Amino acid sequence: MSEHQHKKGFDYFLAKETIEEYGRIPLELRLQWLYMGNLLRMGYDKKTIEIQDRFREGKN
């Protein structure tokens, strides 16, 4: 990344073992987790969603 580019959002590190362990979880269960997280977000108020979106974009 050049000096003039700004990072956006956030990043994090997962150990290789953690990723491999997650890969052993059945796909159906992983999709259920994503679906449930999506349902949970639908229940958030508009302000909370705006804050989350700004965080993802790397804005204050």
N, C-alpha and C. Protein backbone atom coordinates (compact mmCIF):
# COMPACT_ATOMS: atom_id res chain seq x y z
N MET A 1 0.85 -1.18 0.00
CA MET A 1 0.00 0.00 0.00
C MET A 1 0.89 1.23 0.00
N SER A 2 0.55 2.17 -0.87
CA SER A 2 1.37 3.37 -0.96
C SER A 2 1.09 4.32 0.20
N GLU A 3 1.96 5.30 0.36
CA GLU A 3 1.82 6.28 1.44
C GLU A 3 0.53 7.08 1.32
N HIS A 4 0.04 7.25 0.11
CA HIS A 4 -1.10 8.11 -0.13
C HIS A 4 -2.45 7.40 0.01
N GLN A 5 -2.42 6.09 0.11
CA GLN A 5 -3.67 5.34 0.28
C GLN A 5 -3.98 5.25 1.77
N HIS A 6 -5.24 5.38 2.09
CA HIS A 6 -5.67 5.29 3.48
C HIS A 6 -6.36 3.96 3.70
N LYS A 7 -6.08 3.34 4.84
CA LYS A 7 -6.76 2.11 5.19
C LYS A 7 -8.20 2.43 5.54
N LYS A 8 -9.08 1.50 5.25
CA LYS A 8 -10.48 1.64 5.60
C LYS A 8 -10.88 0.44 6.43
N GLY A 9 -11.90 0.65 7.23
CA GLY A 9 -12.44 -0.46 8.01
C GLY A 9 -11.48 -0.96 9.06
N PHE A 10 -11.39 -2.26 9.17
CA PHE A 10 -10.55 -2.87 10.19
C PHE A 10 -10.00 -4.18 9.66
N ASP A 11 -9.01 -4.72 10.34
CA ASP A 11 -8.52 -6.04 10.02
C ASP A 11 -8.19 -6.77 11.31
N TYR A 12 -7.99 -8.05 11.19
CA TYR A 12 -7.67 -8.86 12.35
C TYR A 12 -6.92 -10.09 11.90
N PHE A 13 -6.36 -10.81 12.85
CA PHE A 13 -5.54 -11.98 12.56
C PHE A 13 -6.20 -13.21 13.17
N LEU A 14 -6.22 -14.30 12.42
CA LEU A 14 -6.65 -15.60 12.94
C LEU A 14 -5.53 -16.59 12.71
N ALA A 15 -5.27 -17.39 13.72
CA ALA A 15 -4.25 -18.42 13.59
C ALA A 15 -4.70 -19.45 12.56
N LYS A 16 -3.75 -20.04 11.89
CA LYS A 16 -4.04 -21.06 10.88
C LYS A 16 -4.90 -22.19 11.47
N GLU A 17 -4.62 -22.56 12.70
CA GLU A 17 -5.37 -23.63 13.36
C GLU A 17 -6.84 -23.24 13.53
N THR A 18 -7.09 -21.98 13.84
CA THR A 18 -8.46 -21.49 14.02
C THR A 18 -9.22 -21.58 12.71
N ILE A 19 -8.57 -21.19 11.63
CA ILE A 19 -9.21 -21.25 10.31
C ILE A 19 -9.48 -22.70 9.92
N GLU A 20 -8.54 -23.58 10.20
CA GLU A 20 -8.73 -25.00 9.88
C GLU A 20 -9.86 -25.60 10.70
N GLU A 21 -9.95 -25.21 11.97
CA GLU A 21 -11.02 -25.70 12.84
C GLU A 21 -12.38 -25.23 12.32
N TYR A 22 -12.46 -23.99 11.91
CA TYR A 22 -13.70 -23.45 11.36
C TYR A 22 -14.10 -24.22 10.09
N GLY A 23 -13.12 -24.58 9.29
CA GLY A 23 -13.39 -25.31 8.07
C GLY A 23 -13.96 -26.70 8.30
N ARG A 24 -13.75 -27.24 9.49
CA ARG A 24 -14.29 -28.56 9.82
C ARG A 24 -15.75 -28.50 10.27
N ILE A 25 -16.26 -27.31 10.55
CA ILE A 25 -17.66 -27.15 10.94
C ILE A 25 -18.52 -27.31 9.69
N PRO A 26 -19.60 -28.07 9.80
CA PRO A 26 -20.44 -28.29 8.61
C PRO A 26 -20.90 -26.97 7.98
N LEU A 27 -20.90 -26.94 6.66
CA LEU A 27 -21.27 -25.74 5.91
C LEU A 27 -22.67 -25.26 6.31
N GLU A 28 -23.60 -26.18 6.49
CA GLU A 28 -24.97 -25.79 6.86
C GLU A 28 -24.98 -24.99 8.16
N LEU A 29 -24.19 -25.39 9.13
CA LEU A 29 -24.14 -24.67 10.40
C LEU A 29 -23.51 -23.29 10.22
N ARG A 30 -22.47 -23.21 9.41
CA ARG A 30 -21.84 -21.91 9.17
C ARG A 30 -22.82 -20.96 8.48
N LEU A 31 -23.61 -21.47 7.54
CA LEU A 31 -24.60 -20.64 6.86
C LEU A 31 -25.71 -20.21 7.82
N GLN A 32 -26.08 -21.09 8.74
CA GLN A 32 -27.08 -20.73 9.75
C GLN A 32 -26.58 -19.57 10.61
N TRP A 33 -25.30 -19.61 10.98
CA TRP A 33 -24.72 -18.52 11.78
C TRP A 33 -24.82 -17.20 11.04
N LEU A 34 -24.47 -17.21 9.75
CA LEU A 34 -24.55 -15.99 8.95
C LEU A 34 -25.98 -15.49 8.85
N TYR A 35 -26.90 -16.40 8.63
CA TYR A 35 -28.31 -16.04 8.52
C TYR A 35 -28.81 -15.43 9.84
N MET A 36 -28.46 -16.05 10.94
CA MET A 36 -28.90 -15.54 12.25
C MET A 36 -28.29 -14.18 12.54
N GLY A 37 -27.04 -13.98 12.17
CA GLY A 37 -26.42 -12.68 12.35
C GLY A 37 -27.12 -11.61 11.52
N ASN A 38 -27.53 -11.99 10.32
CA ASN A 38 -28.26 -11.07 9.45
C ASN A 38 -29.61 -10.72 10.06
N LEU A 39 -30.30 -11.71 10.62
CA LEU A 39 -31.58 -11.45 11.28
C LEU A 39 -31.39 -10.50 12.47
N LEU A 40 -30.34 -10.73 13.22
CA LEU A 40 -30.07 -9.89 14.38
C LEU A 40 -29.86 -8.45 13.95
N ARG A 41 -29.10 -8.24 12.90
CA ARG A 41 -28.84 -6.88 12.42
C ARG A 41 -30.12 -6.19 11.96
N MET A 42 -31.04 -6.95 11.39
CA MET A 42 -32.31 -6.37 10.95
C MET A 42 -33.08 -5.73 12.12
N GLY A 43 -32.84 -6.22 13.31
CA GLY A 43 -33.52 -5.69 14.49
C GLY A 43 -32.86 -4.45 15.07
N TYR A 44 -31.69 -4.09 14.58
CA TYR A 44 -30.99 -2.92 15.11
C TYR A 44 -31.69 -1.64 14.65
N ASP A 45 -31.60 -0.62 15.48
CA ASP A 45 -32.15 0.66 15.07
C ASP A 45 -31.26 1.29 14.01
N LYS A 46 -31.81 2.26 13.31
CA LYS A 46 -31.11 2.88 12.18
C LYS A 46 -29.76 3.48 12.60
N LYS A 47 -29.71 4.10 13.77
CA LYS A 47 -28.48 4.74 14.25
C LYS A 47 -27.36 3.71 14.44
N THR A 48 -27.69 2.57 15.01
CA THR A 48 -26.69 1.51 15.24
C THR A 48 -26.13 1.01 13.91
N ILE A 49 -27.00 0.81 12.93
CA ILE A 49 -26.56 0.34 11.61
C ILE A 49 -25.66 1.39 10.96
N GLU A 50 -26.01 2.67 11.09
CA GLU A 50 -25.17 3.74 10.53
C GLU A 50 -23.78 3.73 11.18
N ILE A 51 -23.73 3.55 12.49
CA ILE A 51 -22.44 3.50 13.20
C ILE A 51 -21.61 2.31 12.69
N GLN A 52 -22.23 1.14 12.57
CA GLN A 52 -21.52 -0.04 12.08
C GLN A 52 -20.99 0.19 10.66
N ASP A 53 -21.82 0.76 9.81
CA ASP A 53 -21.41 1.00 8.43
C ASP A 53 -20.24 1.99 8.36
N ARG A 54 -20.28 3.03 9.15
CA ARG A 54 -19.17 3.99 9.17
C ARG A 54 -17.89 3.32 9.65
N PHE A 55 -18.00 2.44 10.66
CA PHE A 55 -16.85 1.72 11.18
C PHE A 55 -16.24 0.84 10.07
N ARG A 56 -17.09 0.14 9.34
CA ARG A 56 -16.61 -0.72 8.24
C ARG A 56 -15.89 0.09 7.17
N GLU A 57 -16.36 1.31 6.95
CA GLU A 57 -15.76 2.18 5.93
C GLU A 57 -14.54 2.92 6.45
N GLY A 58 -14.24 2.78 7.73
CA GLY A 58 -13.09 3.46 8.31
C GLY A 58 -13.33 4.93 8.57
N LYS A 59 -14.60 5.30 8.74
CA LYS A 59 -14.95 6.69 9.03
C LYS A 59 -15.30 6.83 10.50
N ASN A 60 -15.22 8.07 11.00
CA ASN A 60 -15.57 8.33 12.41
C ASN A 60 -17.03 8.56 12.57
